[in-house]
N, C-alpha and C. Protein backbone atom coordinates (compact mmCIF):
# COMPACT_ATOMS: atom_id res chain seq x y z
N MET A 1 -8.13 -59.75 56.11
CA MET A 1 -8.97 -58.73 55.53
C MET A 1 -10.10 -58.42 56.50
N SER A 2 -10.49 -57.14 56.61
CA SER A 2 -11.48 -56.72 57.59
C SER A 2 -12.90 -56.79 57.11
N GLN A 3 -13.15 -57.25 55.90
CA GLN A 3 -14.54 -57.35 55.43
C GLN A 3 -14.84 -58.74 54.91
N GLN A 4 -16.01 -59.25 55.21
CA GLN A 4 -16.49 -60.49 54.68
C GLN A 4 -17.95 -60.27 54.32
N CYS A 5 -18.32 -60.68 53.10
CA CYS A 5 -19.70 -60.55 52.66
C CYS A 5 -20.23 -59.14 52.81
N GLY A 6 -19.42 -58.08 52.66
CA GLY A 6 -19.86 -56.72 52.75
C GLY A 6 -20.08 -56.20 54.12
N VAL A 7 -19.81 -57.00 55.17
CA VAL A 7 -20.02 -56.55 56.56
C VAL A 7 -18.66 -56.19 57.16
N VAL A 8 -18.52 -55.01 57.71
CA VAL A 8 -17.30 -54.64 58.32
C VAL A 8 -17.26 -55.26 59.74
N LEU A 9 -16.24 -56.09 60.03
CA LEU A 9 -16.12 -56.65 61.32
C LEU A 9 -16.01 -55.60 62.38
N GLY A 10 -16.74 -55.76 63.49
CA GLY A 10 -16.71 -54.75 64.55
C GLY A 10 -17.76 -53.72 64.35
N GLY A 11 -18.47 -53.75 63.23
CA GLY A 11 -19.57 -52.78 62.96
C GLY A 11 -20.83 -53.24 63.68
N TYR A 12 -21.88 -52.37 63.58
CA TYR A 12 -23.16 -52.72 64.13
C TYR A 12 -23.80 -53.89 63.40
N GLY A 13 -24.48 -54.73 64.11
CA GLY A 13 -25.18 -55.86 63.56
C GLY A 13 -26.53 -55.38 62.94
N PRO A 14 -27.32 -56.36 62.49
CA PRO A 14 -28.60 -55.99 61.85
C PRO A 14 -29.58 -55.39 62.87
N THR A 15 -30.56 -54.69 62.30
CA THR A 15 -31.63 -54.14 63.14
C THR A 15 -32.58 -55.26 63.59
N GLU A 16 -32.86 -55.32 64.88
CA GLU A 16 -33.71 -56.33 65.40
C GLU A 16 -34.82 -55.69 66.24
N ASP A 17 -35.88 -56.47 66.50
CA ASP A 17 -36.94 -56.00 67.41
C ASP A 17 -36.37 -55.93 68.80
N ALA A 18 -36.81 -54.89 69.56
CA ALA A 18 -36.36 -54.72 70.91
C ALA A 18 -36.80 -55.90 71.80
N THR A 19 -36.01 -56.19 72.81
CA THR A 19 -36.24 -57.29 73.73
C THR A 19 -36.46 -56.69 75.12
N PRO A 20 -36.86 -57.48 76.09
CA PRO A 20 -36.95 -56.99 77.47
C PRO A 20 -35.59 -56.44 77.95
N GLU A 21 -34.48 -57.06 77.47
CA GLU A 21 -33.14 -56.55 77.88
C GLU A 21 -32.93 -55.15 77.32
N THR A 22 -33.35 -54.94 76.05
CA THR A 22 -33.18 -53.62 75.42
C THR A 22 -33.99 -52.59 76.22
N GLN A 23 -35.17 -52.94 76.67
CA GLN A 23 -35.99 -52.02 77.42
C GLN A 23 -35.32 -51.67 78.79
N LYS A 24 -34.69 -52.65 79.41
CA LYS A 24 -33.95 -52.42 80.68
C LYS A 24 -32.86 -51.42 80.46
N ILE A 25 -32.14 -51.52 79.35
CA ILE A 25 -31.10 -50.54 79.00
C ILE A 25 -31.71 -49.15 78.87
N CYS A 26 -32.81 -49.03 78.19
CA CYS A 26 -33.50 -47.73 78.02
C CYS A 26 -33.89 -47.16 79.40
N ASP A 27 -34.43 -48.05 80.25
CA ASP A 27 -34.87 -47.58 81.57
C ASP A 27 -33.73 -47.03 82.37
N LYS A 28 -32.54 -47.61 82.22
CA LYS A 28 -31.31 -47.15 82.97
C LYS A 28 -30.90 -45.75 82.55
N VAL A 29 -31.13 -45.36 81.27
CA VAL A 29 -30.64 -44.06 80.79
C VAL A 29 -31.73 -43.00 80.58
N LYS A 30 -32.98 -43.33 80.91
CA LYS A 30 -34.09 -42.42 80.60
C LYS A 30 -33.87 -41.04 81.22
N THR A 31 -33.47 -41.02 82.49
CA THR A 31 -33.25 -39.72 83.17
C THR A 31 -32.17 -38.88 82.43
N GLU A 32 -31.13 -39.56 82.04
CA GLU A 32 -30.07 -38.85 81.32
C GLU A 32 -30.48 -38.36 79.95
N VAL A 33 -31.33 -39.13 79.27
CA VAL A 33 -31.87 -38.68 77.95
C VAL A 33 -32.76 -37.48 78.21
N GLU A 34 -33.58 -37.50 79.23
CA GLU A 34 -34.48 -36.35 79.53
C GLU A 34 -33.64 -35.11 79.81
N LYS A 35 -32.53 -35.28 80.53
CA LYS A 35 -31.68 -34.09 80.79
C LYS A 35 -31.10 -33.55 79.47
N LYS A 36 -30.62 -34.42 78.58
CA LYS A 36 -30.04 -34.00 77.31
C LYS A 36 -31.03 -33.33 76.39
N THR A 37 -32.29 -33.82 76.37
CA THR A 37 -33.30 -33.27 75.45
C THR A 37 -34.09 -32.15 76.11
N GLY A 38 -34.03 -32.01 77.41
CA GLY A 38 -34.82 -31.01 78.14
C GLY A 38 -36.33 -31.31 78.19
N LYS A 39 -36.64 -32.59 78.04
CA LYS A 39 -38.08 -33.05 78.02
C LYS A 39 -38.25 -34.14 79.00
N ASN A 40 -39.51 -34.32 79.50
CA ASN A 40 -39.87 -35.45 80.32
C ASN A 40 -40.75 -36.35 79.48
N TYR A 41 -40.50 -37.61 79.48
CA TYR A 41 -41.24 -38.57 78.64
C TYR A 41 -42.13 -39.47 79.45
N LYS A 42 -43.41 -39.49 79.21
CA LYS A 42 -44.31 -40.41 79.85
C LYS A 42 -44.06 -41.84 79.30
N GLU A 43 -43.89 -41.87 77.98
CA GLU A 43 -43.59 -43.15 77.32
C GLU A 43 -42.13 -43.14 76.94
N PHE A 44 -41.48 -44.28 77.15
CA PHE A 44 -40.08 -44.40 76.78
C PHE A 44 -39.88 -45.87 76.45
N ARG A 45 -40.31 -46.28 75.26
CA ARG A 45 -40.39 -47.69 74.93
C ARG A 45 -39.43 -48.04 73.79
N ALA A 46 -38.57 -49.01 74.05
CA ALA A 46 -37.63 -49.50 73.03
C ALA A 46 -38.41 -50.23 71.94
N ILE A 47 -38.09 -49.87 70.68
CA ILE A 47 -38.78 -50.48 69.54
C ILE A 47 -37.88 -51.40 68.72
N LYS A 48 -36.72 -50.90 68.35
CA LYS A 48 -35.74 -51.64 67.51
C LYS A 48 -34.37 -51.35 68.12
N TYR A 49 -33.42 -52.23 67.80
CA TYR A 49 -32.05 -51.95 68.24
C TYR A 49 -31.05 -52.62 67.29
N ARG A 50 -29.80 -52.12 67.35
CA ARG A 50 -28.66 -52.77 66.72
C ARG A 50 -27.57 -52.76 67.80
N SER A 51 -26.71 -53.77 67.78
CA SER A 51 -25.63 -53.82 68.76
C SER A 51 -24.27 -53.96 68.08
N GLN A 52 -23.27 -53.56 68.86
CA GLN A 52 -21.89 -53.59 68.35
C GLN A 52 -21.00 -54.05 69.51
N VAL A 53 -20.19 -55.05 69.23
CA VAL A 53 -19.25 -55.53 70.23
C VAL A 53 -18.02 -54.62 70.23
N VAL A 54 -17.72 -54.06 71.35
CA VAL A 54 -16.48 -53.26 71.56
C VAL A 54 -15.85 -53.79 72.82
N GLU A 55 -15.25 -53.03 73.64
CA GLU A 55 -14.78 -53.53 74.99
C GLU A 55 -16.03 -53.39 75.87
N GLY A 56 -17.02 -54.15 75.61
CA GLY A 56 -18.37 -54.08 76.16
C GLY A 56 -19.30 -54.13 74.96
N MET A 57 -20.42 -53.45 75.06
CA MET A 57 -21.42 -53.44 73.91
C MET A 57 -21.93 -52.03 73.76
N ASN A 58 -22.08 -51.62 72.49
CA ASN A 58 -22.80 -50.40 72.15
C ASN A 58 -24.19 -50.88 71.65
N PHE A 59 -25.23 -50.15 72.11
CA PHE A 59 -26.56 -50.42 71.63
C PHE A 59 -27.10 -49.14 71.04
N LEU A 60 -27.53 -49.27 69.74
CA LEU A 60 -28.18 -48.16 69.04
C LEU A 60 -29.66 -48.53 69.07
N ILE A 61 -30.46 -47.70 69.71
CA ILE A 61 -31.85 -48.07 70.01
C ILE A 61 -32.82 -47.00 69.55
N LYS A 62 -33.88 -47.47 68.85
CA LYS A 62 -34.99 -46.57 68.49
C LYS A 62 -35.96 -46.59 69.66
N VAL A 63 -36.32 -45.45 70.19
CA VAL A 63 -37.18 -45.34 71.36
C VAL A 63 -38.41 -44.53 71.00
N HIS A 64 -39.64 -45.08 71.30
CA HIS A 64 -40.87 -44.39 71.10
C HIS A 64 -41.18 -43.53 72.30
N VAL A 65 -41.30 -42.21 72.07
CA VAL A 65 -41.59 -41.26 73.13
C VAL A 65 -42.78 -40.36 72.78
N GLY A 66 -43.62 -40.82 71.86
CA GLY A 66 -44.63 -40.01 71.22
C GLY A 66 -44.21 -39.90 69.76
N ASP A 67 -42.99 -39.32 69.53
CA ASP A 67 -42.33 -39.51 68.24
C ASP A 67 -41.22 -40.47 68.52
N TYR A 68 -40.09 -40.36 67.83
CA TYR A 68 -39.02 -41.39 68.02
C TYR A 68 -37.69 -40.70 68.25
N LEU A 69 -36.92 -41.27 69.11
CA LEU A 69 -35.52 -40.91 69.40
C LEU A 69 -34.63 -42.06 68.98
N HIS A 70 -33.43 -41.75 68.61
CA HIS A 70 -32.35 -42.72 68.47
C HIS A 70 -31.36 -42.45 69.52
N ILE A 71 -30.98 -43.48 70.31
CA ILE A 71 -29.96 -43.29 71.37
C ILE A 71 -28.91 -44.33 71.22
N ILE A 72 -27.71 -44.00 71.65
CA ILE A 72 -26.57 -44.95 71.73
C ILE A 72 -26.20 -45.07 73.17
N VAL A 73 -26.17 -46.32 73.63
CA VAL A 73 -25.81 -46.58 75.02
C VAL A 73 -24.70 -47.59 75.06
N TYR A 74 -23.68 -47.32 75.82
CA TYR A 74 -22.52 -48.24 76.04
C TYR A 74 -22.77 -48.98 77.32
N VAL A 75 -22.63 -50.32 77.30
CA VAL A 75 -22.78 -51.18 78.44
C VAL A 75 -21.47 -51.89 78.63
N ASN A 76 -20.84 -51.80 79.81
CA ASN A 76 -19.56 -52.44 80.06
C ASN A 76 -19.67 -53.96 80.09
N LEU A 77 -18.48 -54.62 80.06
CA LEU A 77 -18.50 -56.12 79.98
C LEU A 77 -19.25 -56.82 81.14
N PRO A 78 -19.08 -56.35 82.40
CA PRO A 78 -19.90 -57.01 83.43
C PRO A 78 -21.39 -56.75 83.30
N GLY A 79 -21.77 -55.70 82.54
CA GLY A 79 -23.17 -55.35 82.34
C GLY A 79 -23.76 -54.57 83.50
N ASP A 80 -22.88 -53.93 84.29
CA ASP A 80 -23.41 -53.20 85.45
C ASP A 80 -23.26 -51.67 85.37
N GLU A 81 -22.70 -51.20 84.22
CA GLU A 81 -22.55 -49.77 84.00
C GLU A 81 -23.12 -49.41 82.61
N PHE A 82 -23.97 -48.33 82.59
CA PHE A 82 -24.63 -47.92 81.43
C PHE A 82 -24.31 -46.47 81.17
N SER A 83 -23.82 -46.17 79.96
CA SER A 83 -23.39 -44.79 79.67
C SER A 83 -24.07 -44.33 78.36
N LEU A 84 -24.84 -43.23 78.47
CA LEU A 84 -25.43 -42.65 77.24
C LEU A 84 -24.38 -41.98 76.41
N SER A 85 -24.22 -42.39 75.19
CA SER A 85 -23.21 -41.85 74.31
C SER A 85 -23.76 -40.79 73.34
N GLY A 86 -25.08 -40.88 73.04
CA GLY A 86 -25.62 -39.88 72.14
C GLY A 86 -27.14 -40.00 72.02
N VAL A 87 -27.78 -38.89 71.60
CA VAL A 87 -29.23 -38.85 71.43
C VAL A 87 -29.52 -38.08 70.15
N GLN A 88 -30.38 -38.59 69.30
CA GLN A 88 -30.90 -37.88 68.16
C GLN A 88 -32.39 -37.83 68.29
N GLN A 89 -32.98 -36.60 68.13
CA GLN A 89 -34.41 -36.41 68.21
C GLN A 89 -35.00 -36.34 66.84
N HIS A 90 -36.34 -36.29 66.79
CA HIS A 90 -37.11 -36.01 65.56
C HIS A 90 -36.98 -37.08 64.52
N HIS A 91 -37.00 -38.35 64.92
CA HIS A 91 -37.00 -39.46 63.96
C HIS A 91 -38.41 -39.96 63.75
N THR A 92 -38.61 -40.76 62.69
CA THR A 92 -39.91 -41.36 62.43
C THR A 92 -39.74 -42.83 62.62
N GLU A 93 -40.89 -43.53 62.65
CA GLU A 93 -40.89 -45.00 62.84
C GLU A 93 -40.08 -45.67 61.74
N ASP A 94 -40.05 -45.11 60.52
CA ASP A 94 -39.39 -45.76 59.39
C ASP A 94 -37.93 -45.41 59.22
N ASP A 95 -37.45 -44.41 59.98
CA ASP A 95 -36.02 -44.01 59.82
C ASP A 95 -35.14 -45.20 60.22
N PRO A 96 -34.14 -45.48 59.35
CA PRO A 96 -33.21 -46.58 59.73
C PRO A 96 -32.34 -46.21 60.91
N LEU A 97 -31.94 -47.24 61.64
CA LEU A 97 -31.01 -47.04 62.77
C LEU A 97 -29.61 -46.96 62.21
N GLU A 98 -29.03 -45.78 62.12
CA GLU A 98 -27.70 -45.58 61.57
C GLU A 98 -26.79 -44.99 62.67
N PRO A 99 -25.57 -45.45 62.83
CA PRO A 99 -24.68 -44.88 63.84
C PRO A 99 -24.50 -43.37 63.56
N PHE A 100 -24.34 -42.61 64.65
CA PHE A 100 -24.11 -41.16 64.52
C PHE A 100 -23.07 -40.77 65.58
N PRO A 101 -22.41 -39.64 65.36
CA PRO A 101 -21.36 -39.23 66.27
C PRO A 101 -21.89 -38.82 67.62
């Protein structure tokens, strides 16, 4: 069975406080996020994150840029390739980190 205790296996884990590793991921994709949003960010600070194990890791990250962005970043298994999968703008500090297409 693919569910235990209401958690879908392979889904995103719980929301956690950002770590220095999370910030490094954000730093790697900042330029790409700026291209997608058409904005330059003086501040680009990871606040919270959720992770998902796939063939590598997906990171869903809340980023403070004045207001808040939600970004999804794929990191390959060796941890040397970072790919921006999505950006959502206009979030608040209290918006939950929910996966998006």
